């Protein structure tokens, strides 16, 4: 399955999701972190959102 879009943490560091959530244990570990993030359809939208919430 190919994921569409981009994900960034609130510091502007891209979070890659491909091949990291292959098993239920991977999904559980990701959810336990409770990391705040921005998910958007493309880089431009992600950067616009990041700028709005961090400025």
Protein backbone atom coordinates (compact mmCIF):
# COMPACT_ATOMS: atom_id res chain seq x y z
CA UNK A 1 0.00 0.00 0.00
CA UNK A 2 1.39 3.41 -0.96
CA UNK A 3 0.65 6.23 1.46
CA UNK A 4 -0.23 9.63 0.06
CA UNK A 5 0.68 12.93 1.66
CA UNK A 6 3.31 14.06 4.15
CA UNK A 7 3.65 14.08 7.93
CA UNK A 8 5.79 16.46 10.01
CA UNK A 9 6.35 16.87 13.71
CA UNK A 10 5.78 20.33 15.17
CA UNK A 11 9.47 21.16 14.80
CA UNK A 12 9.22 20.73 11.02
CA UNK A 13 10.98 17.37 10.88
CA UNK A 14 9.44 14.97 8.39
CA UNK A 15 8.09 11.73 9.84
CA UNK A 16 8.24 8.77 7.48
CA UNK A 17 5.50 6.21 7.87
CA UNK A 18 6.16 3.78 5.05
CA UNK A 19 7.21 0.33 6.18
CA UNK A 20 7.13 1.34 9.84
CA UNK A 21 3.63 0.23 10.76
CA UNK A 22 3.56 -3.31 9.44
CA UNK A 23 2.39 -5.09 12.60
CA UNK A 24 0.00 -4.37 15.44
CA UNK A 25 2.96 -4.00 17.82
CA UNK A 26 4.37 -1.25 15.57
CA UNK A 27 1.04 0.57 15.56
CA UNK A 28 0.72 0.26 19.35
CA UNK A 29 4.23 1.63 19.90
CA UNK A 30 3.53 4.60 17.62
CA UNK A 31 0.30 5.41 19.44
CA UNK A 32 1.93 5.22 22.90
CA UNK A 33 4.28 8.07 21.98
CA UNK A 34 1.32 10.42 21.55
CA UNK A 35 3.44 12.55 19.27
CA UNK A 36 1.85 15.71 17.91
CA UNK A 37 2.11 16.02 14.16
CA UNK A 38 0.82 17.64 10.99
CA UNK A 39 -0.51 15.42 8.21
CA UNK A 40 -1.27 17.04 4.87
CA UNK A 41 -1.71 16.14 1.21
CA UNK A 42 1.54 17.85 0.14
CA UNK A 43 4.65 19.70 1.31
CA UNK A 44 3.22 23.17 0.65
CA UNK A 45 0.11 22.62 2.74
CA UNK A 46 2.12 21.03 5.56
CA UNK A 47 4.50 24.00 5.66
CA UNK A 48 1.59 26.48 5.59
CA UNK A 49 -0.07 24.72 8.54
CA UNK A 50 3.22 24.54 10.43
CA UNK A 51 3.79 28.26 9.89
CA UNK A 52 0.28 29.09 11.11
CA UNK A 53 0.55 27.15 14.34
CA UNK A 54 4.15 28.01 15.23
CA UNK A 55 4.29 31.73 14.40
